[in-house]
Amino acid sequence: MNKLDYVHINIDDYLEDNCGQFVEFLKIKEIKETISNTKKAIIIEGVCLLAVIEKLRLDLGILIYIKRTSSFGMWHDEKECDVQIDIEEFIKNKNEDLRRFAEAEASIEGRSFDPDENFLPQLKEEIIRYHYKYKPHRKADLIYKRVD
């Protein structure tokens, strides 16, 4: 039993296996049941949390955002999590950068290369789009800096 007497929900535990994306593959009904079956305070954690909270139709108490930072305080994911240009342009540019890298790597390793492949993983794109839409780092009541 924890000393604060709360229920901890990690939304990753409610994700369908091997789906490659996140919010659309959560078992929302099960999360709702877990929440409705407790009378204690609840801590919910996971990526794309504001989108999940919206799907659950919950009111937030306190929102804590965790930033991955370097030992110098630099935010590791700032370019992807605080996009300042049109999101479609950003995604296109990101995919093009990854395509050029994959092409160079394939050339160095002497393997074939498919230029039509989408090089930005679906989950990474979902997280970028989530941050662009919801701006959780700007809406947070508290920001915790985790040093990697």
Protein backbone atom coordinates (compact mmCIF):
# COMPACT_ATOMS: atom_id res chain seq x y z
CA MET A 1 0.00 0.00 0.00
CA ASN A 2 1.32 3.43 -0.86
CA LYS A 3 1.49 6.08 1.85
CA LEU A 4 -0.50 8.69 -0.09
CA ASP A 5 -3.41 6.27 -0.60
CA TYR A 6 -3.97 6.83 -4.31
CA VAL A 7 -4.57 4.70 -7.39
CA HIS A 8 -1.93 4.84 -10.12
CA ILE A 9 -3.04 4.34 -13.73
CA ASN A 10 -0.40 3.99 -16.42
CA ILE A 11 -2.33 4.27 -19.66
CA ASP A 12 0.34 2.20 -21.43
CA ASP A 13 -1.17 -0.76 -19.55
CA TYR A 14 -4.40 -0.23 -21.51
CA LEU A 15 -2.83 -0.23 -24.96
CA GLU A 16 -3.55 -2.91 -27.54
CA ASP A 17 -0.40 -4.87 -28.39
CA ASN A 18 1.73 -4.15 -31.47
CA CYS A 19 -0.41 -1.38 -32.92
CA GLY A 20 2.26 1.23 -33.73
CA GLN A 21 0.07 4.11 -32.58
CA PHE A 22 -1.38 5.21 -29.28
CA VAL A 23 -4.61 7.08 -28.54
CA GLU A 24 -6.83 5.24 -31.04
CA PHE A 25 -5.60 1.89 -29.71
CA LEU A 26 -6.27 2.45 -26.03
CA LYS A 27 -8.86 0.37 -24.22
CA ILE A 28 -10.87 3.45 -23.16
CA LYS A 29 -13.74 1.42 -21.70
CA GLU A 30 -11.35 -0.42 -19.36
CA ILE A 31 -9.71 2.83 -18.25
CA LYS A 32 -13.15 4.30 -17.48
CA GLU A 33 -14.07 1.18 -15.46
CA THR A 34 -10.85 1.40 -13.44
CA ILE A 35 -11.50 5.06 -12.70
CA SER A 36 -15.15 4.56 -11.78
CA ASN A 37 -14.31 1.63 -9.47
CA THR A 38 -12.09 3.68 -7.17
CA LYS A 39 -12.92 6.16 -4.46
CA LYS A 40 -9.30 7.24 -3.94
CA ALA A 41 -7.30 9.99 -5.59
CA ILE A 42 -5.99 8.94 -8.99
CA ILE A 43 -2.70 9.63 -10.72
CA ILE A 44 -2.86 9.00 -14.47
CA GLU A 45 0.34 8.93 -16.50
CA GLY A 46 1.22 8.38 -20.12
CA VAL A 47 1.94 9.97 -23.45
CA CYS A 48 -0.72 12.05 -25.21
CA LEU A 49 -2.43 12.41 -21.84
CA LEU A 50 -4.59 15.42 -22.69
CA ALA A 51 -6.00 13.57 -25.72
CA VAL A 52 -6.74 10.57 -23.49
CA ILE A 53 -8.36 12.77 -20.83
CA GLU A 54 -10.50 14.31 -23.58
CA LYS A 55 -11.63 10.85 -24.75
CA LEU A 56 -12.41 9.88 -21.15
CA ARG A 57 -14.27 13.19 -20.60
CA LEU A 58 -12.50 13.80 -17.31
CA ASP A 59 -11.68 17.00 -15.49
CA LEU A 60 -8.06 17.38 -14.47
CA GLY A 61 -6.84 18.22 -11.04
CA ILE A 62 -3.18 19.01 -11.59
CA LEU A 63 -1.30 18.49 -14.85
CA ILE A 64 2.40 17.65 -14.54
CA TYR A 65 4.53 17.67 -17.68
CA ILE A 66 7.83 15.78 -17.71
CA LYS A 67 10.56 17.21 -19.94
CA ARG A 68 13.55 15.08 -20.88
CA THR A 69 16.54 17.34 -20.45
CA SER A 70 20.31 17.11 -20.73
CA SER A 71 22.57 17.69 -17.75
CA PHE A 72 22.90 21.25 -19.10
CA GLY A 73 19.13 21.78 -18.93
CA MET A 74 18.50 21.56 -22.69
CA TRP A 75 15.11 20.05 -23.62
CA HIS A 76 15.84 16.93 -25.74
CA ASP A 77 12.55 16.91 -27.64
CA GLU A 78 11.99 20.64 -28.03
CA LYS A 79 12.01 20.64 -31.85
CA GLU A 80 9.30 17.95 -31.96
CA CYS A 81 7.32 19.07 -28.91
CA ASP A 82 7.22 22.82 -29.51
CA VAL A 83 6.73 23.11 -33.28
CA GLN A 84 6.51 26.74 -34.34
CA ILE A 85 5.69 26.27 -38.06
CA ASP A 86 2.77 24.66 -39.87
CA ILE A 87 2.55 21.06 -38.63
CA GLU A 88 2.13 19.59 -42.13
CA GLU A 89 5.29 21.35 -43.28
CA PHE A 90 7.14 20.18 -40.16
CA ILE A 91 6.07 16.53 -40.66
CA LYS A 92 7.01 16.65 -44.35
CA ASN A 93 10.45 18.11 -43.53
CA LYS A 94 11.03 15.61 -40.71
CA ASN A 95 10.15 12.68 -42.97
CA GLU A 96 12.40 14.08 -45.73
CA ASP A 97 15.33 14.42 -43.29
CA LEU A 98 14.82 10.82 -42.16
CA ARG A 99 14.53 9.66 -45.80
CA ARG A 100 17.87 11.29 -46.69
CA PHE A 101 19.52 9.69 -43.66
CA ALA A 102 18.06 6.24 -44.52
CA GLU A 103 19.19 6.62 -48.14
CA ALA A 104 22.75 7.48 -47.08
CA GLU A 105 22.80 4.61 -44.58
CA ALA A 106 21.54 2.15 -47.22
CA SER A 107 24.19 3.39 -49.65
CA ILE A 108 26.98 2.96 -47.09
CA GLU A 109 25.74 -0.52 -46.15
CA GLY A 110 25.14 -1.54 -49.79
CA ARG A 111 21.46 -2.40 -49.35
CA SER A 112 18.39 -1.50 -51.36
CA PHE A 113 16.40 1.62 -50.59
CA ASP A 114 12.69 2.39 -51.06
CA PRO A 115 12.31 6.17 -51.53
CA ASP A 116 8.50 5.98 -51.18
CA GLU A 117 8.62 4.56 -47.66
CA ASN A 118 7.32 6.73 -44.80
CA PHE A 119 10.37 7.10 -42.56
CA LEU A 120 8.71 8.87 -39.63
CA PRO A 121 7.22 6.16 -37.38
CA GLN A 122 3.45 6.53 -36.82
CA LEU A 123 3.80 6.80 -33.04
CA LYS A 124 6.46 9.52 -33.31
CA GLU A 125 4.23 11.47 -35.72
CA GLU A 126 1.26 11.05 -33.38
CA ILE A 127 3.26 12.45 -30.46
CA ILE A 128 4.47 15.41 -32.54
CA ARG A 129 0.92 16.17 -33.69
CA TYR A 130 -0.36 15.76 -30.10
CA HIS A 131 2.11 18.34 -28.79
CA TYR A 132 1.26 20.70 -31.64
CA LYS A 133 -2.49 20.49 -30.93
CA TYR A 134 -2.60 20.30 -27.11
CA LYS A 135 0.63 22.09 -26.08
CA PRO A 136 0.78 20.19 -22.77
CA HIS A 137 4.10 21.80 -21.78
CA ARG A 138 2.37 25.19 -21.86
CA LYS A 139 -0.78 24.05 -20.03
CA ALA A 140 1.00 22.20 -17.23
CA ASP A 141 0.59 23.29 -13.63
CA LEU A 142 4.03 21.83 -12.87
CA ILE A 143 6.98 20.94 -15.10
CA TYR A 144 9.37 18.25 -13.92
CA LYS A 145 12.73 18.15 -15.66
CA ARG A 146 14.06 14.61 -15.97
CA VAL A 147 17.77 14.56 -16.72
CA ASP A 148 18.82 11.89 -19.24
